[in-house]
């Protein structure tokens, strides 16, 4: 069994996302996004993994969850995308 370095396992909560983003931000989470906390504005999120509760809260706030392929096609240069993790 190979152990991954802790830097490879990113876990981010909605509380952190809410604190460091503003309305209509586009973010990429290179790890798992968990639903702890709340989101008070709409954001567009792409994540390797997202919990059901996080997805529900983001959608209820008017946000969007997009796939990696959508992220690449909409933002091919990465300009305007924030990486949080």
PDB file of N, CA and C in Angstrom:
ATOM      1  N   UNK A   1       0.845  -1.187   0.000  1.00  0.00           N
ATOM      2  CA  UNK A   1       0.000   0.000   0.000  1.00  0.00           C
ATOM      3  C   UNK A   1       0.886   1.245   0.000  1.00  0.00           C
ATOM      4  N   UNK A   2       0.697   2.094  -0.979  1.00  0.00           N
ATOM      5  CA  UNK A   2       1.467   3.335  -1.064  1.00  0.00           C
ATOM      6  C   UNK A   2       0.678   4.469  -0.417  1.00  0.00           C
ATOM      7  N   UNK A   3       1.337   5.226   0.410  1.00  0.00           N
ATOM      8  CA  UNK A   3       0.696   6.362   1.050  1.00  0.00           C
ATOM      9  C   UNK A   3       0.940   7.617   0.228  1.00  0.00           C
ATOM     10  N   UNK A   4      -0.108   8.406   0.057  1.00  0.00           N
ATOM     11  CA  UNK A   4       0.044   9.659  -0.663  1.00  0.00           C
ATOM     12  C   UNK A   4       0.554  10.723   0.306  1.00  0.00           C
ATOM     13  N   UNK A   5       1.370  11.641  -0.186  1.00  0.00           N
ATOM     14  CA  UNK A   5       1.774  12.738   0.684  1.00  0.00           C
ATOM     15  C   UNK A   5       0.558  13.592   1.027  1.00  0.00           C
ATOM     16  N   UNK A   6       0.556  14.186   2.197  1.00  0.00           N
ATOM     17  CA  UNK A   6      -0.602  14.972   2.623  1.00  0.00           C
ATOM     18  C   UNK A   6      -0.865  16.138   1.680  1.00  0.00           C
ATOM     19  N   UNK A   7       0.147  16.636   0.995  1.00  0.00           N
ATOM     20  CA  UNK A   7      -0.059  17.745   0.070  1.00  0.00           C
ATOM     21  C   UNK A   7      -0.917  17.333  -1.117  1.00  0.00           C
ATOM     22  N   UNK A   8      -1.042  16.032  -1.382  1.00  0.00           N
ATOM     23  CA  UNK A   8      -1.849  15.554  -2.502  1.00  0.00           C
ATOM     24  C   UNK A   8      -3.324  15.426  -2.129  1.00  0.00           C
ATOM     25  N   UNK A   9      -3.641  15.458  -0.832  1.00  0.00           N
ATOM     26  CA  UNK A   9      -5.009  15.292  -0.370  1.00  0.00           C
ATOM     27  C   UNK A   9      -5.545  16.623   0.133  1.00  0.00           C
ATOM     28  N   UNK A  10      -6.185  17.366  -0.720  1.00  0.00           N
ATOM     29  CA  UNK A  10      -6.727  18.664  -0.338  1.00  0.00           C
ATOM     30  C   UNK A  10      -8.191  18.530   0.030  1.00  0.00           C
ATOM     31  N   UNK A  11      -8.552  19.033   1.202  1.00  0.00           N
ATOM     32  CA  UNK A  11      -9.945  19.038   1.635  1.00  0.00           C
ATOM     33  C   UNK A  11     -10.298  20.477   1.982  1.00  0.00           C
ATOM     34  N   UNK A  12     -11.352  20.984   1.348  1.00  0.00           N
ATOM     35  CA  UNK A  12     -11.768  22.376   1.539  1.00  0.00           C
ATOM     36  C   UNK A  12     -13.235  22.383   1.941  1.00  0.00           C
ATOM     37  N   UNK A  13     -13.586  23.230   2.899  1.00  0.00           N
ATOM     38  CA  UNK A  13     -14.966  23.384   3.345  1.00  0.00           C
ATOM     39  C   UNK A  13     -15.599  24.621   2.707  1.00  0.00           C
ATOM     40  N   UNK A  14     -16.931  24.627   2.645  1.00  0.00           N
ATOM     41  CA  UNK A  14     -17.636  25.789   2.099  1.00  0.00           C
ATOM     42  C   UNK A  14     -17.350  27.058   2.883  1.00  0.00           C
ATOM     43  N   UNK A  15     -17.097  26.932   4.188  1.00  0.00           N
ATOM     44  CA  UNK A  15     -16.776  28.110   5.003  1.00  0.00           C
ATOM     45  C   UNK A  15     -15.573  28.842   4.426  1.00  0.00           C
ATOM     46  N   UNK A  16     -14.525  28.103   4.075  1.00  0.00           N
ATOM     47  CA  UNK A  16     -13.325  28.724   3.504  1.00  0.00           C
ATOM     48  C   UNK A  16     -13.642  29.356   2.157  1.00  0.00           C
ATOM     49  N   UNK A  17     -14.370  28.634   1.308  1.00  0.00           N
ATOM     50  CA  UNK A  17     -14.748  29.155  -0.012  1.00  0.00           C
ATOM     51  C   UNK A  17     -15.524  30.462   0.150  1.00  0.00           C
ATOM     52  N   UNK A  18     -16.484  30.481   1.075  1.00  0.00           N
ATOM     53  CA  UNK A  18     -17.309  31.666   1.301  1.00  0.00           C
ATOM     54  C   UNK A  18     -16.463  32.856   1.750  1.00  0.00           C
ATOM     55  N   UNK A  19     -15.429  32.578   2.569  1.00  0.00           N
ATOM     56  CA  UNK A  19     -14.587  33.656   3.093  1.00  0.00           C
ATOM     57  C   UNK A  19     -13.632  34.247   2.070  1.00  0.00           C
ATOM     58  N   UNK A  20     -13.186  33.447   1.100  1.00  0.00           N
ATOM     59  CA  UNK A  20     -12.148  33.928   0.174  1.00  0.00           C
ATOM     60  C   UNK A  20     -12.653  34.221  -1.237  1.00  0.00           C
ATOM     61  N   UNK A  21     -13.962  34.066  -1.475  1.00  0.00           N
ATOM     62  CA  UNK A  21     -14.501  34.356  -2.800  1.00  0.00           C
ATOM     63  C   UNK A  21     -15.542  35.461  -2.734  1.00  0.00           C
ATOM     64  N   UNK A  22     -15.869  35.986  -3.920  1.00  0.00           N
ATOM     65  CA  UNK A  22     -16.952  36.955  -4.009  1.00  0.00           C
ATOM     66  C   UNK A  22     -17.941  36.472  -5.060  1.00  0.00           C
ATOM     67  N   UNK A  23     -19.047  37.176  -5.210  1.00  0.00           N
ATOM     68  CA  UNK A  23     -20.094  36.769  -6.146  1.00  0.00           C
ATOM     69  C   UNK A  23     -19.547  36.573  -7.557  1.00  0.00           C
ATOM     70  N   UNK A  24     -19.947  35.493  -8.179  1.00  0.00           N
ATOM     71  CA  UNK A  24     -19.604  35.133  -9.571  1.00  0.00           C
ATOM     72  C   UNK A  24     -18.156  34.693  -9.790  1.00  0.00           C
ATOM     73  N   UNK A  25     -17.403  34.424  -8.727  1.00  0.00           N
ATOM     74  CA  UNK A  25     -16.042  33.896  -8.891  1.00  0.00           C
ATOM     75  C   UNK A  25     -16.093  32.496  -9.501  1.00  0.00           C
ATOM     76  N   UNK A  26     -15.044  32.152 -10.228  1.00  0.00           N
ATOM     77  CA  UNK A  26     -14.881  30.808 -10.791  1.00  0.00           C
ATOM     78  C   UNK A  26     -13.706  30.179 -10.059  1.00  0.00           C
ATOM     79  N   UNK A  27     -13.932  29.021  -9.431  1.00  0.00           N
ATOM     80  CA  UNK A  27     -12.866  28.403  -8.647  1.00  0.00           C
ATOM     81  C   UNK A  27     -12.670  26.940  -9.012  1.00  0.00           C
ATOM     82  N   UNK A  28     -11.449  26.495  -8.807  1.00  0.00           N
ATOM     83  CA  UNK A  28     -11.064  25.094  -8.994  1.00  0.00           C
ATOM     84  C   UNK A  28     -10.548  24.589  -7.656  1.00  0.00           C
ATOM     85  N   UNK A  29     -11.065  23.455  -7.202  1.00  0.00           N
ATOM     86  CA  UNK A  29     -10.601  22.843  -5.958  1.00  0.00           C
ATOM     87  C   UNK A  29      -9.897  21.538  -6.332  1.00  0.00           C
ATOM     88  N   UNK A  30      -8.562  21.497  -6.190  1.00  0.00           N
ATOM     89  CA  UNK A  30      -7.819  20.280  -6.553  1.00  0.00           C
ATOM     90  C   UNK A  30      -7.855  19.240  -5.434  1.00  0.00           C
ATOM     91  N   UNK A  31      -9.058  18.824  -5.080  1.00  0.00           N
ATOM     92  CA  UNK A  31      -9.244  17.870  -4.001  1.00  0.00           C
ATOM     93  C   UNK A  31     -10.727  17.687  -3.762  1.00  0.00           C
ATOM     94  N   UNK A  32     -11.112  17.527  -2.502  1.00  0.00           N
ATOM     95  CA  UNK A  32     -12.523  17.298  -2.152  1.00  0.00           C
ATOM     96  C   UNK A  32     -13.114  18.545  -1.525  1.00  0.00           C
ATOM     97  N   UNK A  33     -14.319  18.901  -1.958  1.00  0.00           N
ATOM     98  CA  UNK A  33     -15.050  20.034  -1.397  1.00  0.00           C
ATOM     99  C   UNK A  33     -16.145  19.483  -0.499  1.00  0.00           C
ATOM    100  N   UNK A  34     -16.111  19.864   0.774  1.00  0.00           N
ATOM    101  CA  UNK A  34     -17.087  19.385   1.755  1.00  0.00           C
ATOM    102  C   UNK A  34     -18.101  20.472   2.077  1.00  0.00           C
ATOM    103  N   UNK A  35     -19.272  20.064   2.525  1.00  0.00           N
ATOM    104  CA  UNK A  35     -20.377  20.988   2.758  1.00  0.00           C
ATOM    105  C   UNK A  35     -20.438  21.622   4.125  1.00  0.00           C
ATOM    106  N   UNK A  36     -19.353  21.608   4.887  1.00  0.00           N
ATOM    107  CA  UNK A  36     -19.358  22.238   6.205  1.00  0.00           C
ATOM    108  C   UNK A  36     -19.411  23.750   6.032  1.00  0.00           C
ATOM    109  N   UNK A  37     -20.381  24.380   6.684  1.00  0.00           N
ATOM    110  CA  UNK A  37     -20.542  25.826   6.576  1.00  0.00           C
ATOM    111  C   UNK A  37     -21.616  26.177   5.562  1.00  0.00           C
ATOM    112  N   UNK A  38     -21.549  27.421   5.071  1.00  0.00           N
ATOM    113  CA  UNK A  38     -22.548  27.868   4.102  1.00  0.00           C
ATOM    114  C   UNK A  38     -21.868  28.728   3.044  1.00  0.00           C
ATOM    115  N   UNK A  39     -22.560  28.929   1.947  1.00  0.00           N
ATOM    116  CA  UNK A  39     -22.072  29.806   0.888  1.00  0.00           C
ATOM    117  C   UNK A  39     -23.132  30.892   0.720  1.00  0.00           C
ATOM    118  N   UNK A  40     -22.714  32.157   0.749  1.00  0.00           N
ATOM    119  CA  UNK A  40     -23.682  33.257   0.746  1.00  0.00           C
ATOM    120  C   UNK A  40     -23.780  33.968  -0.598  1.00  0.00           C
ATOM    121  N   UNK A  41     -23.091  33.458  -1.614  1.00  0.00           N
ATOM    122  CA  UNK A  41     -23.139  34.083  -2.935  1.00  0.00           C
ATOM    123  C   UNK A  41     -22.953  33.010  -4.009  1.00  0.00           C
ATOM    124  N   UNK A  42     -23.234  33.383  -5.263  1.00  0.00           N
ATOM    125  CA  UNK A  42     -23.128  32.372  -6.319  1.00  0.00           C
ATOM    126  C   UNK A  42     -21.698  32.287  -6.845  1.00  0.00           C
ATOM    127  N   UNK A  43     -21.251  31.056  -7.042  1.00  0.00           N
ATOM    128  CA  UNK A  43     -19.917  30.787  -7.573  1.00  0.00           C
ATOM    129  C   UNK A  43     -20.018  29.649  -8.577  1.00  0.00           C
ATOM    130  N   UNK A  44     -19.008  29.524  -9.406  1.00  0.00           N
ATOM    131  CA  UNK A  44     -18.887  28.386 -10.311  1.00  0.00           C
ATOM    132  C   UNK A  44     -17.724  27.550  -9.806  1.00  0.00           C
ATOM    133  N   UNK A  45     -17.953  26.272  -9.589  1.00  0.00           N
ATOM    134  CA  UNK A  45     -16.957  25.392  -8.973  1.00  0.00           C
ATOM    135  C   UNK A  45     -16.653  24.189  -9.859  1.00  0.00           C
ATOM    136  N   UNK A  46     -15.373  23.853  -9.921  1.00  0.00           N
ATOM    137  CA  UNK A  46     -14.922  22.599 -10.513  1.00  0.00           C
ATOM    138  C   UNK A  46     -14.043  21.944  -9.448  1.00  0.00           C
ATOM    139  N   UNK A  47     -14.339  20.695  -9.109  1.00  0.00           N
ATOM    140  CA  UNK A  47     -13.599  20.012  -8.049  1.00  0.00           C
ATOM    141  C   UNK A  47     -13.381  18.555  -8.439  1.00  0.00           C
ATOM    142  N   UNK A  48     -12.283  17.972  -7.958  1.00  0.00           N
ATOM    143  CA  UNK A  48     -12.036  16.550  -8.199  1.00  0.00           C
ATOM    144  C   UNK A  48     -13.134  15.710  -7.563  1.00  0.00           C
ATOM    145  N   UNK A  49     -13.617  16.151  -6.397  1.00  0.00           N
ATOM    146  CA  UNK A  49     -14.655  15.435  -5.671  1.00  0.00           C
ATOM    147  C   UNK A  49     -15.462  16.446  -4.871  1.00  0.00           C
ATOM    148  N   UNK A  50     -16.775  16.242  -4.799  1.00  0.00           N
ATOM    149  CA  UNK A  50     -17.622  17.188  -4.059  1.00  0.00           C
ATOM    150  C   UNK A  50     -18.685  16.401  -3.301  1.00  0.00           C
ATOM    151  N   UNK A  51     -18.916  16.793  -2.057  1.00  0.00           N
ATOM    152  CA  UNK A  51     -19.931  16.093  -1.269  1.00  0.00           C
ATOM    153  C   UNK A  51     -21.320  16.518  -1.731  1.00  0.00           C
ATOM    154  N   UNK A  52     -22.302  15.669  -1.468  1.00  0.00           N
ATOM    155  CA  UNK A  52     -23.684  15.959  -1.851  1.00  0.00           C
ATOM    156  C   UNK A  52     -24.172  17.239  -1.181  1.00  0.00           C
ATOM    157  N   UNK A  53     -23.831  17.424   0.099  1.00  0.00           N
ATOM    158  CA  UNK A  53     -24.303  18.613   0.817  1.00  0.00           C
ATOM    159  C   UNK A  53     -23.663  19.889   0.265  1.00  0.00           C
ATOM    160  N   UNK A  54     -22.381  19.821  -0.124  1.00  0.00           N
ATOM    161  CA  UNK A  54     -21.720  20.993  -0.710  1.00  0.00           C
ATOM    162  C   UNK A  54     -22.371  21.341  -2.039  1.00  0.00           C
ATOM    163  N   UNK A  55     -22.627  20.338  -2.867  1.00  0.00           N
ATOM    164  CA  UNK A  55     -23.254  20.573  -4.171  1.00  0.00           C
ATOM    165  C   UNK A  55     -24.630  21.216  -3.994  1.00  0.00           C
ATOM    166  N   UNK A  56     -25.401  20.702  -3.059  1.00  0.00           N
ATOM    167  CA  UNK A  56     -26.748  21.225  -2.812  1.00  0.00           C
ATOM    168  C   UNK A  56     -26.696  22.690  -2.374  1.00  0.00           C
ATOM    169  N   UNK A  57     -25.778  23.023  -1.465  1.00  0.00           N
ATOM    170  CA  UNK A  57     -25.667  24.399  -0.958  1.00  0.00           C
ATOM    171  C   UNK A  57     -25.218  25.361  -2.057  1.00  0.00           C
ATOM    172  N   UNK A  58     -24.290  24.931  -2.900  1.00  0.00           N
ATOM    173  CA  UNK A  58     -23.809  25.785  -3.996  1.00  0.00           C
ATOM    174  C   UNK A  58     -24.947  26.058  -4.978  1.00  0.00           C
ATOM    175  N   UNK A  59     -25.690  25.028  -5.346  1.00  0.00           N
ATOM    176  CA  UNK A  59     -26.808  25.192  -6.279  1.00  0.00           C
ATOM    177  C   UNK A  59     -27.922  26.044  -5.679  1.00  0.00           C
ATOM    178  N   UNK A  60     -28.206  25.872  -4.387  1.00  0.00           N
ATOM    179  CA  UNK A  60     -29.241  26.672  -3.721  1.00  0.00           C
ATOM    180  C   UNK A  60     -28.864  28.151  -3.676  1.00  0.00           C
ATOM    181  N   UNK A  61     -27.564  28.452  -3.641  1.00  0.00           N
ATOM    182  CA  UNK A  61     -27.101  29.851  -3.610  1.00  0.00           C
ATOM    183  C   UNK A  61     -27.058  30.452  -5.023  1.00  0.00           C
ATOM    184  N   UNK A  62     -27.458  29.658  -6.027  1.00  0.00           N
ATOM    185  CA  UNK A  62     -27.466  30.161  -7.399  1.00  0.00           C
ATOM    186  C   UNK A  62     -26.193  29.866  -8.164  1.00  0.00           C
ATOM    187  N   UNK A  63     -25.314  29.076  -7.573  1.00  0.00           N
ATOM    188  CA  UNK A  63     -24.043  28.751  -8.207  1.00  0.00           C
ATOM    189  C   UNK A  63     -24.143  27.586  -9.166  1.00  0.00           C
ATOM    190  N   UNK A  64     -23.003  27.249  -9.776  1.00  0.00           N
ATOM    191  CA  UNK A  64     -22.954  26.147 -10.739  1.00  0.00           C
ATOM    192  C   UNK A  64     -21.781  25.238 -10.398  1.00  0.00           C
ATOM    193  N   UNK A  65     -21.943  23.966 -10.730  1.00  0.00           N
ATOM    194  CA  UNK A  65     -20.864  22.994 -10.600  1.00  0.00           C
ATOM    195  C   UNK A  65     -20.583  22.499 -12.013  1.00  0.00           C
ATOM    196  N   UNK A  66     -19.344  22.644 -12.447  1.00  0.00           N
ATOM    197  CA  UNK A  66     -19.002  22.245 -13.809  1.00  0.00           C
ATOM    198  C   UNK A  66     -17.944  21.146 -13.800  1.00  0.00           C
ATOM    199  N   UNK A  67     -17.898  20.399 -14.880  1.00  0.00           N
ATOM    200  CA  UNK A  67     -16.936  19.304 -15.005  1.00  0.00           C
ATOM    201  C   UNK A  67     -15.570  19.844 -15.435  1.00  0.00           C
ATOM    202  N   UNK A  68     -14.563  18.972 -15.367  1.00  0.00           N
ATOM    203  CA  UNK A  68     -13.221  19.378 -15.794  1.00  0.00           C
ATOM    204  C   UNK A  68     -13.209  19.762 -17.264  1.00  0.00           C
ATOM    205  N   UNK A  69     -13.926  19.012 -18.085  1.00  0.00           N
ATOM    206  CA  UNK A  69     -13.942  19.313 -19.522  1.00  0.00           C
ATOM    207  C   UNK A  69     -14.626  20.657 -19.799  1.00  0.00           C
ATOM    208  N   UNK A  70     -15.689  20.973 -19.043  1.00  0.00           N
ATOM    209  CA  UNK A  70     -16.337  22.288 -19.186  1.00  0.00           C
ATOM    210  C   UNK A  70     -15.383  23.400 -18.767  1.00  0.00           C
ATOM    211  N   UNK A  71     -14.645  23.176 -17.672  1.00  0.00           N
ATOM    212  CA  UNK A  71     -13.698  24.171 -17.172  1.00  0.00           C
ATOM    213  C   UNK A  71     -12.632  24.455 -18.232  1.00  0.00           C
ATOM    214  N   UNK A  72     -12.124  23.401 -18.857  1.00  0.00           N
ATOM    215  CA  UNK A  72     -11.082  23.553 -19.871  1.00  0.00           C
ATOM    216  C   UNK A  72     -11.620  24.280 -21.101  1.00  0.00           C
ATOM    217  N   UNK A  73     -12.839  23.949 -21.523  1.00  0.00           N
ATOM    218  CA  UNK A  73     -13.372  24.585 -22.725  1.00  0.00           C
ATOM    219  C   UNK A  73     -13.777  26.039 -22.483  1.00  0.00           C
ATOM    220  N   UNK A  74     -14.276  26.364 -21.290  1.00  0.00           N
ATOM    221  CA  UNK A  74     -14.695  27.739 -20.995  1.00  0.00           C
ATOM    222  C   UNK A  74     -13.525  28.638 -20.604  1.00  0.00           C
ATOM    223  N   UNK A  75     -12.515  28.056 -19.980  1.00  0.00           N
ATOM    224  CA  UNK A  75     -11.364  28.831 -19.493  1.00  0.00           C
ATOM    225  C   UNK A  75     -10.066  28.167 -19.934  1.00  0.00           C
ATOM    226  N   UNK A  76      -9.797  28.080 -21.248  1.00  0.00           N
ATOM    227  CA  UNK A  76      -8.629  27.339 -21.734  1.00  0.00           C
ATOM    228  C   UNK A  76      -7.288  27.869 -21.228  1.00  0.00           C
ATOM    229  N   UNK A  77      -7.201  29.176 -20.969  1.00  0.00           N
ATOM    230  CA  UNK A  77      -5.935  29.736 -20.489  1.00  0.00           C
ATOM    231  C   UNK A  77      -5.863  29.744 -18.963  1.00  0.00           C
ATOM    232  N   UNK A  78      -7.002  29.491 -18.311  1.00  0.00           N
ATOM    233  CA  UNK A  78      -7.041  29.539 -16.848  1.00  0.00           C
ATOM    234  C   UNK A  78      -7.232  30.942 -16.310  1.00  0.00           C
ATOM    235  N   UNK A  79      -7.295  31.929 -17.183  1.00  0.00           N
ATOM    236  CA  UNK A  79      -7.472  33.323 -16.750  1.00  0.00           C
ATOM    237  C   UNK A  79      -8.838  33.493 -16.097  1.00  0.00           C
ATOM    238  N   UNK A  80      -8.850  34.104 -14.935  1.00  0.00           N
ATOM    239  CA  UNK A  80     -10.088  34.336 -14.208  1.00  0.00           C
ATOM    240  C   UNK A  80     -10.498  33.199 -13.300  1.00  0.00           C
ATOM    241  N   UNK A  81      -9.712  32.131 -13.257  1.00  0.00           N
ATOM    242  CA  UNK A  81     -10.029  30.980 -12.405  1.00  0.00           C
ATOM    243  C   UNK A  81      -9.103  31.005 -11.190  1.00  0.00           C
ATOM    244  N   UNK A  82      -9.698  30.885 -10.007  1.00  0.00           N
ATOM    245  CA  UNK A  82      -8.909  30.825  -8.771  1.00  0.00           C
ATOM    246  C   UNK A  82      -8.803  29.390  -8.318  1.00  0.00           C
ATOM    247  N   UNK A  83      -7.611  28.991  -7.884  1.00  0.00           N
ATOM    248  CA  UNK A  83      -7.410  27.651  -7.343  1.00  0.00           C
ATOM    249  C   UNK A  83      -7.390  27.778  -5.823  1.00  0.00           C
ATOM    250  N   UNK A  84      -8.269  27.029  -5.166  1.00  0.00           N
ATOM    251  CA  UNK A  84      -8.369  27.091  -3.707  1.00  0.00           C
ATOM    252  C   UNK A  84      -8.180  25.684  -3.180  1.00  0.00           C
ATOM    253  N   UNK A  85      -7.180  25.537  -2.300  1.00  0.00           N
ATOM    254  CA  UNK A  85      -6.942  24.205  -1.751  1.00  0.00           C
ATOM    255  C   UNK A  85      -5.652  24.092  -1.146  1.00  0.00           C
TER     256      UNK A  85
END
